[in-house]
C-alpha atoms as a PDB file:
ATOM      1  CA  UNK A   1      -6.162 -32.535  31.387  1.00  0.00           C
ATOM      2  CA  UNK A   2      -8.657 -31.454  28.880  1.00  0.00           C
ATOM      3  CA  UNK A   3      -8.862 -28.030  29.775  1.00  0.00           C
ATOM      4  CA  UNK A   4      -4.743 -27.748  28.978  1.00  0.00           C
ATOM      5  CA  UNK A   5      -5.291 -29.538  25.378  1.00  0.00           C
ATOM      6  CA  UNK A   6      -8.432 -26.939  24.914  1.00  0.00           C
ATOM      7  CA  UNK A   7      -5.808 -24.190  26.029  1.00  0.00           C
ATOM      8  CA  UNK A   8      -3.068 -24.915  23.737  1.00  0.00           C
ATOM      9  CA  UNK A   9      -5.377 -25.798  20.974  1.00  0.00           C
ATOM     10  CA  UNK A  10      -6.668 -22.258  21.766  1.00  0.00           C
ATOM     11  CA  UNK A  11      -3.436 -20.442  21.386  1.00  0.00           C
ATOM     12  CA  UNK A  12      -2.374 -23.038  17.864  1.00  0.00           C
ATOM     13  CA  UNK A  13      -5.754 -21.130  16.648  1.00  0.00           C
ATOM     14  CA  UNK A  14      -4.834 -17.651  17.569  1.00  0.00           C
ATOM     15  CA  UNK A  15      -1.405 -18.216  16.889  1.00  0.00           C
ATOM     16  CA  UNK A  16      -2.058 -18.998  13.348  1.00  0.00           C
ATOM     17  CA  UNK A  17      -4.529 -16.471  12.974  1.00  0.00           C
ATOM     18  CA  UNK A  18      -2.118 -13.536  14.166  1.00  0.00           C
ATOM     19  CA  UNK A  19       0.113 -15.131  11.302  1.00  0.00           C
ATOM     20  CA  UNK A  20      -2.432 -15.021   8.848  1.00  0.00           C
ATOM     21  CA  UNK A  21      -3.303 -11.472   9.470  1.00  0.00           C
ATOM     22  CA  UNK A  22       0.516 -10.146   8.926  1.00  0.00           C
ATOM     23  CA  UNK A  23       1.191 -12.348   5.727  1.00  0.00           C
ATOM     24  CA  UNK A  24      -1.892 -10.604   4.528  1.00  0.00           C
ATOM     25  CA  UNK A  25      -1.080  -7.053   5.501  1.00  0.00           C
ATOM     26  CA  UNK A  26       2.109  -7.907   4.279  1.00  0.00           C
ATOM     27  CA  UNK A  27       1.557  -8.825   0.954  1.00  0.00           C
ATOM     28  CA  UNK A  28      -0.810  -5.960   0.761  1.00  0.00           C
ATOM     29  CA  UNK A  29       1.616  -3.596   1.644  1.00  0.00           C
ATOM     30  CA  UNK A  30       4.119  -5.074  -0.829  1.00  0.00           C
ATOM     31  CA  UNK A  31       1.629  -4.827  -3.636  1.00  0.00           C
ATOM     32  CA  UNK A  32       1.128  -1.221  -2.696  1.00  0.00           C
ATOM     33  CA  UNK A  33       4.327  -0.024  -2.837  1.00  0.00           C
ATOM     34  CA  UNK A  34       4.770  -2.092  -6.160  1.00  0.00           C
ATOM     35  CA  UNK A  35       2.152  -0.319  -8.168  1.00  0.00           C
ATOM     36  CA  UNK A  36       2.952   3.016  -6.412  1.00  0.00           C
ATOM     37  CA  UNK A  37       6.337   3.373  -7.848  1.00  0.00           C
ATOM     38  CA  UNK A  38       5.615   0.943 -10.944  1.00  0.00           C
ATOM     39  CA  UNK A  39       2.290   2.118 -11.915  1.00  0.00           C
ATOM     40  CA  UNK A  40       0.237  -0.062 -15.037  1.00  0.00           C
ATOM     41  CA  UNK A  41       0.937   1.626 -18.342  1.00  0.00           C
ATOM     42  CA  UNK A  42      -1.414   2.320 -21.126  1.00  0.00           C
ATOM     43  CA  UNK A  43       0.899   0.201 -23.320  1.00  0.00           C
ATOM     44  CA  UNK A  44       0.752  -2.468 -20.793  1.00  0.00           C
ATOM     45  CA  UNK A  45      -3.278  -2.808 -21.341  1.00  0.00           C
ATOM     46  CA  UNK A  46      -4.780  -4.715 -23.672  1.00  0.00           C
ATOM     47  CA  UNK A  47      -7.879  -3.321 -25.284  1.00  0.00           C
ATOM     48  CA  UNK A  48      -8.809  -6.345 -27.087  1.00  0.00           C
ATOM     49  CA  UNK A  49     -12.796  -6.730 -27.358  1.00  0.00           C
ATOM     50  CA  UNK A  50     -12.612  -9.856 -28.608  1.00  0.00           C
ATOM     51  CA  UNK A  51      -9.449 -12.188 -28.242  1.00  0.00           C
ATOM     52  CA  UNK A  52     -10.646 -15.550 -29.540  1.00  0.00           C
ATOM     53  CA  UNK A  53     -12.039 -13.878 -33.088  1.00  0.00           C
ATOM     54  CA  UNK A  54     -15.490 -14.614 -32.201  1.00  0.00           C
ATOM     55  CA  UNK A  55     -16.882 -11.359 -33.303  1.00  0.00           C
ATOM     56  CA  UNK A  56     -17.433 -12.711 -37.162  1.00  0.00           C
END
């Protein structure tokens, strides 16, 4: 009885871990492809040293 619940719990944790890992790798692959084919341009980068105007 207890061993059945324990086995089911371990299987659920393993399935959740597997889904999390696959989702993480999928998002990482999408971001890698996005930045490979649409890289950040120099004009996209804001080089504002004092964005709040606190240099005065």
